[in-house]
Amino acid sequence: FDMLYISQVEVEDSPTESSASQCPLCDNASDDTECLDIMETNVALLSNDDRLSLLKVMLSESFTCSATLSDSQCLRFFDKQVATYTSTERLDMLASACSQGQLEPSTRPDDEMAQSVEA
């Protein structure tokens, strides 16, 4: 088991294996740390609705929101979960979403959740 763990660490630390290279937003980033900052800034610029949609997809294997929670409660729950992730975990998760074009804002002009409109 120790050898398996060590090889995983080597892969994560290897710049040639960086998941950030999948993300076009990081084309001009000097390293993974800068790339993570760029991607997290893009996520912060998303509307609450877009961010909730993104987090639902990114966290779907680990977490789901109860139907009894409002969208804003669900978003707070997901934000708290992401805050517990290491920077490497966030980098991998966001780079994967970025490579699929999920860090781009939608074309919707308004943020329904900000207006407290529930679907």
N, C-alpha and C. Protein backbone atom coordinates (compact mmCIF):
# COMPACT_ATOMS: atom_id res chain seq x y z
N PHE A 1 0.82 -1.21 0.00
CA PHE A 1 0.00 0.00 0.00
C PHE A 1 0.86 1.26 0.00
N ASP A 2 1.98 1.22 0.71
CA ASP A 2 2.83 2.40 0.75
C ASP A 2 3.35 2.76 -0.64
N MET A 3 3.72 1.75 -1.41
CA MET A 3 4.23 2.03 -2.75
C MET A 3 3.13 2.64 -3.64
N LEU A 4 1.93 2.15 -3.50
CA LEU A 4 0.81 2.68 -4.27
C LEU A 4 0.58 4.15 -3.92
N TYR A 5 0.61 4.46 -2.64
CA TYR A 5 0.40 5.83 -2.19
C TYR A 5 1.48 6.75 -2.73
N ILE A 6 2.73 6.32 -2.68
CA ILE A 6 3.84 7.14 -3.15
C ILE A 6 3.70 7.41 -4.65
N SER A 7 3.33 6.39 -5.42
CA SER A 7 3.21 6.62 -6.86
C SER A 7 2.08 7.61 -7.17
N GLN A 8 1.01 7.59 -6.39
CA GLN A 8 -0.07 8.54 -6.61
C GLN A 8 0.40 9.97 -6.34
N VAL A 9 1.17 10.13 -5.30
CA VAL A 9 1.68 11.46 -4.96
C VAL A 9 2.59 11.96 -6.08
N GLU A 10 3.43 11.09 -6.60
CA GLU A 10 4.32 11.50 -7.68
C GLU A 10 3.54 11.95 -8.91
N VAL A 11 2.49 11.26 -9.24
CA VAL A 11 1.67 11.63 -10.39
C VAL A 11 1.02 12.99 -10.17
N GLU A 12 0.47 13.21 -8.96
CA GLU A 12 -0.19 14.49 -8.68
C GLU A 12 0.78 15.66 -8.73
N ASP A 13 2.02 15.43 -8.31
CA ASP A 13 2.99 16.52 -8.26
C ASP A 13 3.70 16.74 -9.59
N SER A 14 3.55 15.82 -10.52
CA SER A 14 4.25 15.91 -11.79
C SER A 14 3.60 16.95 -12.70
N PRO A 15 4.35 17.95 -13.14
CA PRO A 15 3.77 18.98 -14.00
C PRO A 15 3.29 18.43 -15.34
N THR A 16 3.88 17.35 -15.82
CA THR A 16 3.46 16.80 -17.10
C THR A 16 2.09 16.14 -16.99
N GLU A 17 1.67 15.79 -15.79
CA GLU A 17 0.38 15.14 -15.61
C GLU A 17 -0.70 16.13 -15.16
N SER A 18 -0.41 17.40 -15.21
CA SER A 18 -1.32 18.40 -14.68
C SER A 18 -2.65 18.41 -15.41
N SER A 19 -3.72 18.37 -14.62
CA SER A 19 -5.05 18.46 -15.21
C SER A 19 -5.33 19.88 -15.71
N ALA A 20 -4.57 20.84 -15.21
CA ALA A 20 -4.77 22.23 -15.60
C ALA A 20 -4.53 22.43 -17.10
N SER A 21 -3.70 21.57 -17.68
CA SER A 21 -3.41 21.70 -19.11
C SER A 21 -4.65 21.46 -19.97
N GLN A 22 -5.68 20.83 -19.39
CA GLN A 22 -6.93 20.59 -20.11
C GLN A 22 -7.77 21.86 -20.22
N CYS A 23 -7.47 22.87 -19.41
CA CYS A 23 -8.32 24.04 -19.31
C CYS A 23 -7.79 25.20 -20.16
N PRO A 24 -8.56 25.62 -21.16
CA PRO A 24 -8.09 26.74 -22.00
C PRO A 24 -7.93 28.05 -21.23
N LEU A 25 -8.64 28.20 -20.10
CA LEU A 25 -8.48 29.42 -19.30
C LEU A 25 -7.07 29.53 -18.74
N CYS A 26 -6.37 28.39 -18.64
CA CYS A 26 -5.05 28.36 -18.02
C CYS A 26 -3.91 28.37 -19.02
N ASP A 27 -4.21 28.63 -20.28
CA ASP A 27 -3.18 28.60 -21.31
C ASP A 27 -2.01 29.54 -20.99
N ASN A 28 -2.30 30.68 -20.36
CA ASN A 28 -1.24 31.64 -20.05
C ASN A 28 -0.81 31.61 -18.59
N ALA A 29 -1.31 30.63 -17.83
CA ALA A 29 -0.94 30.53 -16.41
C ALA A 29 0.47 29.97 -16.29
N SER A 30 1.23 30.49 -15.33
CA SER A 30 2.61 30.04 -15.17
C SER A 30 2.70 28.71 -14.42
N ASP A 31 1.69 28.40 -13.60
CA ASP A 31 1.71 27.14 -12.86
C ASP A 31 0.29 26.77 -12.42
N ASP A 32 0.18 25.63 -11.75
CA ASP A 32 -1.14 25.16 -11.31
C ASP A 32 -1.79 26.11 -10.32
N THR A 33 -1.01 26.75 -9.47
CA THR A 33 -1.57 27.68 -8.48
C THR A 33 -2.25 28.85 -9.18
N GLU A 34 -1.57 29.40 -10.17
CA GLU A 34 -2.15 30.51 -10.93
C GLU A 34 -3.40 30.05 -11.69
N CYS A 35 -3.34 28.85 -12.24
CA CYS A 35 -4.48 28.30 -12.96
C CYS A 35 -5.68 28.15 -12.02
N LEU A 36 -5.43 27.63 -10.82
CA LEU A 36 -6.51 27.47 -9.85
C LEU A 36 -7.13 28.82 -9.51
N ASP A 37 -6.30 29.84 -9.34
CA ASP A 37 -6.81 31.18 -9.05
C ASP A 37 -7.70 31.68 -10.20
N ILE A 38 -7.26 31.46 -11.43
CA ILE A 38 -8.03 31.89 -12.61
C ILE A 38 -9.39 31.19 -12.63
N MET A 39 -9.37 29.87 -12.43
CA MET A 39 -10.62 29.11 -12.50
C MET A 39 -11.55 29.48 -11.36
N GLU A 40 -11.01 29.65 -10.14
CA GLU A 40 -11.86 30.02 -9.01
C GLU A 40 -12.45 31.42 -9.19
N THR A 41 -11.70 32.32 -9.81
CA THR A 41 -12.22 33.65 -10.12
C THR A 41 -13.38 33.54 -11.10
N ASN A 42 -13.23 32.69 -12.11
CA ASN A 42 -14.32 32.50 -13.07
C ASN A 42 -15.56 31.94 -12.40
N VAL A 43 -15.38 31.00 -11.48
CA VAL A 43 -16.52 30.43 -10.76
C VAL A 43 -17.20 31.52 -9.93
N ALA A 44 -16.40 32.38 -9.29
CA ALA A 44 -16.95 33.45 -8.46
C ALA A 44 -17.75 34.45 -9.30
N LEU A 45 -17.41 34.59 -10.57
CA LEU A 45 -18.12 35.53 -11.45
C LEU A 45 -19.43 34.96 -12.00
N LEU A 46 -19.63 33.65 -11.84
CA LEU A 46 -20.87 33.04 -12.32
C LEU A 46 -22.04 33.52 -11.48
N SER A 47 -23.21 33.54 -12.08
CA SER A 47 -24.43 33.83 -11.31
C SER A 47 -24.64 32.68 -10.33
N ASN A 48 -25.45 32.90 -9.31
CA ASN A 48 -25.75 31.83 -8.37
C ASN A 48 -26.35 30.61 -9.06
N ASP A 49 -27.23 30.86 -10.03
CA ASP A 49 -27.86 29.75 -10.76
C ASP A 49 -26.83 28.93 -11.51
N ASP A 50 -25.92 29.61 -12.21
CA ASP A 50 -24.89 28.91 -12.97
C ASP A 50 -23.94 28.16 -12.03
N ARG A 51 -23.59 28.80 -10.91
CA ARG A 51 -22.68 28.16 -9.96
C ARG A 51 -23.33 26.91 -9.36
N LEU A 52 -24.62 27.01 -9.03
CA LEU A 52 -25.31 25.86 -8.48
C LEU A 52 -25.34 24.72 -9.50
N SER A 53 -25.64 25.04 -10.75
CA SER A 53 -25.64 24.01 -11.80
C SER A 53 -24.27 23.36 -11.93
N LEU A 54 -23.22 24.17 -11.91
CA LEU A 54 -21.86 23.67 -12.02
C LEU A 54 -21.53 22.76 -10.84
N LEU A 55 -21.81 23.21 -9.63
CA LEU A 55 -21.48 22.42 -8.44
C LEU A 55 -22.28 21.13 -8.38
N LYS A 56 -23.52 21.17 -8.81
CA LYS A 56 -24.33 19.93 -8.85
C LYS A 56 -23.66 18.89 -9.72
N VAL A 57 -23.14 19.32 -10.86
CA VAL A 57 -22.47 18.39 -11.78
C VAL A 57 -21.13 17.95 -11.19
N MET A 58 -20.34 18.90 -10.72
CA MET A 58 -19.00 18.56 -10.23
C MET A 58 -19.04 17.66 -8.99
N LEU A 59 -20.03 17.86 -8.14
CA LEU A 59 -20.07 17.11 -6.88
C LEU A 59 -21.05 15.94 -6.92
N SER A 60 -21.62 15.66 -8.09
CA SER A 60 -22.70 14.66 -8.18
C SER A 60 -22.29 13.28 -7.69
N GLU A 61 -21.02 12.93 -7.83
CA GLU A 61 -20.58 11.61 -7.39
C GLU A 61 -20.48 11.52 -5.87
N SER A 62 -20.34 12.66 -5.20
CA SER A 62 -20.14 12.65 -3.75
C SER A 62 -21.33 13.20 -2.97
N PHE A 63 -21.99 14.22 -3.52
CA PHE A 63 -23.04 14.91 -2.77
C PHE A 63 -24.25 15.21 -3.65
N THR A 64 -25.41 15.20 -3.03
CA THR A 64 -26.62 15.71 -3.68
C THR A 64 -27.37 16.54 -2.66
N CYS A 65 -28.21 17.42 -3.15
CA CYS A 65 -29.02 18.23 -2.25
C CYS A 65 -30.40 17.60 -2.10
N SER A 66 -30.89 17.63 -0.89
CA SER A 66 -32.24 17.15 -0.62
C SER A 66 -33.25 18.04 -1.35
N ALA A 67 -34.33 17.45 -1.79
CA ALA A 67 -35.39 18.21 -2.45
C ALA A 67 -36.04 19.22 -1.51
N THR A 68 -35.83 19.02 -0.21
CA THR A 68 -36.42 19.94 0.77
C THR A 68 -35.61 21.23 0.91
N LEU A 69 -34.41 21.25 0.38
CA LEU A 69 -33.57 22.45 0.47
C LEU A 69 -33.88 23.41 -0.67
N SER A 70 -33.87 24.69 -0.38
CA SER A 70 -34.01 25.68 -1.44
C SER A 70 -32.71 25.71 -2.25
N ASP A 71 -32.75 26.33 -3.42
CA ASP A 71 -31.54 26.44 -4.23
C ASP A 71 -30.43 27.16 -3.48
N SER A 72 -30.79 28.23 -2.74
CA SER A 72 -29.75 28.98 -2.03
C SER A 72 -29.15 28.15 -0.88
N GLN A 73 -29.97 27.34 -0.21
CA GLN A 73 -29.44 26.46 0.84
C GLN A 73 -28.54 25.39 0.23
N CYS A 74 -28.95 24.86 -0.90
CA CYS A 74 -28.16 23.85 -1.60
C CYS A 74 -26.81 24.44 -2.03
N LEU A 75 -26.82 25.65 -2.55
CA LEU A 75 -25.59 26.31 -2.98
C LEU A 75 -24.65 26.50 -1.79
N ARG A 76 -25.18 26.93 -0.66
CA ARG A 76 -24.34 27.10 0.55
C ARG A 76 -23.74 25.76 0.97
N PHE A 77 -24.55 24.70 0.91
CA PHE A 77 -24.06 23.36 1.26
C PHE A 77 -22.90 22.96 0.35
N PHE A 78 -23.07 23.12 -0.97
CA PHE A 78 -22.01 22.76 -1.91
C PHE A 78 -20.77 23.61 -1.70
N ASP A 79 -20.95 24.90 -1.46
CA ASP A 79 -19.80 25.78 -1.21
C ASP A 79 -19.00 25.30 0.00
N LYS A 80 -19.71 24.87 1.04
CA LYS A 80 -19.03 24.36 2.24
C LYS A 80 -18.26 23.08 1.94
N GLN A 81 -18.81 22.22 1.10
CA GLN A 81 -18.12 20.98 0.74
C GLN A 81 -16.84 21.29 -0.04
N VAL A 82 -16.94 22.18 -1.01
CA VAL A 82 -15.78 22.53 -1.83
C VAL A 82 -14.69 23.16 -0.97
N ALA A 83 -15.07 23.92 0.04
CA ALA A 83 -14.10 24.57 0.92
C ALA A 83 -13.25 23.56 1.69
N THR A 84 -13.73 22.33 1.82
CA THR A 84 -12.97 21.31 2.54
C THR A 84 -11.97 20.58 1.62
N TYR A 85 -12.05 20.81 0.33
CA TYR A 85 -11.16 20.13 -0.61
C TYR A 85 -9.77 20.75 -0.59
N THR A 86 -8.76 19.94 -0.87
CA THR A 86 -7.40 20.48 -0.99
C THR A 86 -7.29 21.25 -2.30
N SER A 87 -6.26 22.05 -2.43
CA SER A 87 -6.10 22.81 -3.67
C SER A 87 -5.92 21.87 -4.86
N THR A 88 -5.27 20.73 -4.67
CA THR A 88 -5.10 19.77 -5.75
C THR A 88 -6.44 19.19 -6.17
N GLU A 89 -7.29 18.88 -5.21
CA GLU A 89 -8.62 18.35 -5.52
C GLU A 89 -9.46 19.39 -6.26
N ARG A 90 -9.39 20.66 -5.79
CA ARG A 90 -10.15 21.72 -6.46
C ARG A 90 -9.62 21.95 -7.88
N LEU A 91 -8.29 21.91 -8.03
CA LEU A 91 -7.68 22.09 -9.34
C LEU A 91 -8.17 21.01 -10.30
N ASP A 92 -8.13 19.76 -9.88
CA ASP A 92 -8.56 18.66 -10.74
C ASP A 92 -10.04 18.78 -11.10
N MET A 93 -10.86 19.09 -10.11
CA MET A 93 -12.30 19.19 -10.31
C MET A 93 -12.63 20.35 -11.26
N LEU A 94 -12.02 21.50 -11.03
CA LEU A 94 -12.30 22.67 -11.86
C LEU A 94 -11.72 22.53 -13.26
N ALA A 95 -10.53 21.93 -13.37
CA ALA A 95 -9.92 21.75 -14.69
C ALA A 95 -10.77 20.82 -15.54
N SER A 96 -11.32 19.81 -14.92
CA SER A 96 -12.20 18.89 -15.65
C SER A 96 -13.45 19.64 -16.14
N ALA A 97 -14.05 20.43 -15.25
CA ALA A 97 -15.23 21.22 -15.63
C ALA A 97 -14.86 22.24 -16.71
N CYS A 98 -13.70 22.85 -16.58
CA CYS A 98 -13.25 23.86 -17.55
C CYS A 98 -13.06 23.23 -18.92
N SER A 99 -12.46 22.04 -18.95
CA SER A 99 -12.20 21.39 -20.24
C SER A 99 -13.50 21.05 -20.97
N GLN A 100 -14.60 20.97 -20.22
CA GLN A 100 -15.92 20.70 -20.81
C GLN A 100 -16.71 21.99 -21.02
N GLY A 101 -16.06 23.15 -20.80
CA GLY A 101 -16.71 24.43 -21.05
C GLY A 101 -17.71 24.83 -19.98
N GLN A 102 -17.62 24.24 -18.80
CA GLN A 102 -18.61 24.50 -17.76
C GLN A 102 -18.29 25.73 -16.89
N LEU A 103 -17.16 26.36 -17.09
CA LEU A 103 -16.82 27.54 -16.29
C LEU A 103 -17.20 28.83 -16.99
N GLU A 104 -17.88 28.72 -18.12
CA GLU A 104 -18.33 29.90 -18.84
C GLU A 104 -19.72 30.30 -18.35
N PRO A 105 -19.97 31.59 -18.17
CA PRO A 105 -21.30 32.02 -17.72
C PRO A 105 -22.36 31.72 -18.77
N SER A 106 -23.56 31.50 -18.33
CA SER A 106 -24.65 31.26 -19.28
C SER A 106 -25.05 32.58 -19.92
N THR A 107 -25.91 32.50 -20.90
CA THR A 107 -26.34 33.72 -21.60
C THR A 107 -27.55 34.35 -20.93
N ARG A 108 -28.02 33.73 -19.84
CA ARG A 108 -29.19 34.30 -19.16
C ARG A 108 -28.85 35.67 -18.58
N PRO A 109 -29.67 36.66 -18.84
CA PRO A 109 -29.36 38.02 -18.40
C PRO A 109 -29.59 38.25 -16.91
N ASP A 110 -30.43 37.42 -16.28
CA ASP A 110 -30.72 37.66 -14.88
C ASP A 110 -30.37 36.44 -14.04
N ASP A 111 -30.24 36.67 -12.77
CA ASP A 111 -29.93 35.62 -11.82
C ASP A 111 -31.19 35.34 -11.03
N GLU A 112 -31.90 34.28 -11.40
CA GLU A 112 -33.20 34.00 -10.79
C GLU A 112 -33.10 33.84 -9.27
N MET A 113 -32.01 33.20 -8.81
CA MET A 113 -31.91 32.96 -7.37
C MET A 113 -31.74 34.28 -6.60
N ALA A 114 -31.06 35.23 -7.20
CA ALA A 114 -30.88 36.51 -6.53
C ALA A 114 -32.22 37.21 -6.33
N GLN A 115 -33.18 36.88 -7.19
CA GLN A 115 -34.50 37.47 -7.07
C GLN A 115 -35.43 36.58 -6.26
N SER A 116 -34.88 35.51 -5.69
CA SER A 116 -35.62 34.55 -4.87
C SER A 116 -36.78 33.90 -5.63
N VAL A 117 -36.55 33.65 -6.89
CA VAL A 117 -37.55 32.97 -7.71
C VAL A 117 -37.20 31.49 -7.72
N GLU A 118 -38.14 30.67 -7.31
CA GLU A 118 -37.90 29.22 -7.31
C GLU A 118 -38.62 28.59 -8.50
N ALA A 119 -37.98 27.67 -9.13
CA ALA A 119 -38.59 26.99 -10.28
C ALA A 119 -39.70 26.05 -9.82
